[in-house]
Protein backbone atom coordinates (compact mmCIF):
# COMPACT_ATOMS: atom_id res chain seq x y z
CA MET A 1 23.74 37.98 -13.88
CA PRO A 2 27.05 38.53 -12.07
CA ALA A 3 27.02 39.91 -8.55
CA GLY A 4 29.49 42.70 -9.22
CA LEU A 5 31.51 44.40 -6.51
CA GLN A 6 30.80 43.56 -2.89
CA PRO A 7 28.76 46.38 -1.37
CA PRO A 8 29.68 47.82 2.03
CA ASN A 9 26.25 46.90 3.46
CA ALA A 10 24.38 44.26 1.46
CA ALA A 11 21.42 44.22 3.86
CA GLU A 12 20.81 47.91 3.19
CA LEU A 13 20.82 47.30 -0.57
CA LEU A 14 18.51 44.28 -0.30
CA SER A 15 15.93 46.14 1.76
CA GLY A 16 15.73 49.04 -0.70
CA ALA A 17 13.35 49.65 -3.60
CA HIS A 18 15.94 48.79 -6.25
CA VAL A 19 15.70 45.08 -5.48
CA ASP A 20 11.93 45.19 -5.94
CA GLU A 21 12.41 46.96 -9.28
CA LEU A 22 15.03 44.39 -10.37
CA LEU A 23 12.75 41.46 -9.47
CA THR A 24 9.76 43.04 -11.22
CA GLU A 25 11.78 43.61 -14.40
CA ALA A 26 13.31 40.12 -14.30
CA LEU A 27 9.88 38.50 -13.89
CA ARG A 28 8.55 40.60 -16.78
CA ARG A 29 11.28 39.22 -19.04
CA PHE A 30 11.58 35.62 -17.82
CA ASP A 31 9.20 32.80 -16.82
CA ALA A 32 11.17 32.06 -13.65
CA VAL A 33 13.96 33.76 -11.73
CA VAL A 34 16.24 31.76 -9.42
CA ILE A 35 18.34 33.56 -6.83
CA ASP A 36 21.22 31.71 -5.18
CA ALA A 37 21.59 33.32 -1.77
CA PRO A 38 24.29 32.93 0.91
CA PRO A 39 23.88 30.69 3.98
CA ILE A 40 20.95 31.65 6.19
CA MET A 41 22.68 31.76 9.54
CA GLY A 42 24.87 34.71 10.39
CA LEU A 43 23.75 37.06 7.62
CA ALA A 44 20.63 39.11 6.99
CA ASP A 45 20.83 38.61 3.20
CA SER A 46 18.90 35.35 2.78
CA PRO A 47 15.93 36.22 5.02
CA LEU A 48 15.65 39.62 3.27
CA ILE A 49 15.67 37.99 -0.16
CA ALA A 50 13.25 35.26 0.98
CA SER A 51 10.78 37.91 2.13
CA LYS A 52 10.69 39.44 -1.38
CA VAL A 53 10.34 36.38 -3.60
CA ALA A 54 7.40 34.11 -4.45
CA GLY A 55 8.95 30.97 -2.96
CA THR A 56 12.00 29.72 -1.10
CA VAL A 57 13.76 26.35 -1.22
CA MET A 58 16.29 25.62 1.53
CA VAL A 59 19.37 23.61 0.55
CA VAL A 60 20.80 21.33 3.26
CA GLU A 61 24.13 19.50 2.94
CA ALA A 62 23.87 15.90 4.14
CA HIS A 63 26.25 14.66 6.83
CA ARG A 64 27.40 18.22 7.55
CA THR A 65 24.40 20.36 8.48
CA ARG A 66 23.21 19.56 11.99
CA ALA A 67 19.48 19.15 12.61
CA ARG A 68 19.50 22.05 15.10
CA GLN A 69 21.22 24.31 12.57
CA ALA A 70 18.67 23.42 9.87
CA SER A 71 15.80 23.98 12.32
CA LEU A 72 17.12 27.42 13.33
CA SER A 73 17.59 28.34 9.67
CA LEU A 74 14.03 27.33 8.88
CA GLN A 75 12.73 29.34 11.84
CA ARG A 76 14.69 32.37 10.62
CA LEU A 77 13.09 32.07 7.18
CA ARG A 78 9.62 31.70 8.70
CA THR A 79 10.21 34.81 10.83
CA ALA A 80 11.05 36.64 7.59
CA ARG A 81 7.66 35.45 6.26
CA ALA A 82 9.27 33.35 3.53
CA ASN A 83 6.94 31.19 1.47
CA MET A 84 8.69 27.84 2.02
CA LEU A 85 8.32 25.50 -0.96
CA GLY A 86 10.54 22.74 0.39
CA ALA A 87 14.13 21.65 0.85
CA VAL A 88 16.84 19.92 -1.17
CA LEU A 89 19.30 17.49 0.45
CA THR A 90 22.71 17.56 -1.26
CA LYS A 91 25.81 15.34 -1.09
CA PHE A 92 23.89 12.40 0.39
CA SER A 93 25.79 9.11 0.66
CA SER A 94 23.73 6.01 1.44
CA LYS A 95 26.89 4.18 2.54
CA ARG A 96 27.70 6.88 5.04
CA ALA A 97 24.09 7.11 6.18
CA SER A 98 23.90 3.39 6.93
CA ALA A 99 27.08 3.67 9.00
CA ASP A 100 25.95 6.79 10.87
CA TYR A 101 22.33 6.00 11.57
CA GLY A 102 20.52 3.02 12.99
CA TYR A 103 17.02 1.64 12.90
CA ASP A 104 15.11 0.58 15.97
CA TYR A 105 11.64 -0.64 16.77
CA GLY A 106 9.89 -0.94 20.08
CA TYR A 107 6.64 -0.59 21.91
CA GLY A 108 5.47 -0.20 25.44
CA TYR A 109 2.65 0.78 27.74
CA GLY A 110 2.17 1.60 31.38
CA ARG A 111 4.82 3.04 33.69
CA ALA A 112 8.44 1.85 33.62
CA ASP A 113 8.38 1.02 37.36
CA GLU A 114 5.44 -1.34 36.77
CA ALA A 115 7.16 -3.38 34.03
CA PRO A 116 6.59 -7.14 34.41
CA GLU A 117 9.55 -9.39 35.17
CA ALA A 118 11.10 -11.15 32.18
CA ALA A 119 10.09 -14.78 31.79
CA SER A 120 12.87 -17.34 32.15
């Protein structure tokens, strides 16, 4: 279904009864309805939509979306009482990931100022 003309206040339209009627009718006619919503941060649209649907999947672009940004987006959806089903990571490059991220292993116990001297 095309979006049509851009409304002057999308948040006002999304919080009204017409959206509920549209979703009810769509679910009566189809087994599943998928809504592609705008980015979560900066707009009220996505949290409003997420609060009205059965489940929400957050899409995260690899190598571009910062962890803090994704965390804030998830918190915003939770505040809207979204039923989070999961997340999808897009545009992932294993070559880029291996260059950007490292792997480390370590262990320890006690306090740092009590560390034993290294053996020679």
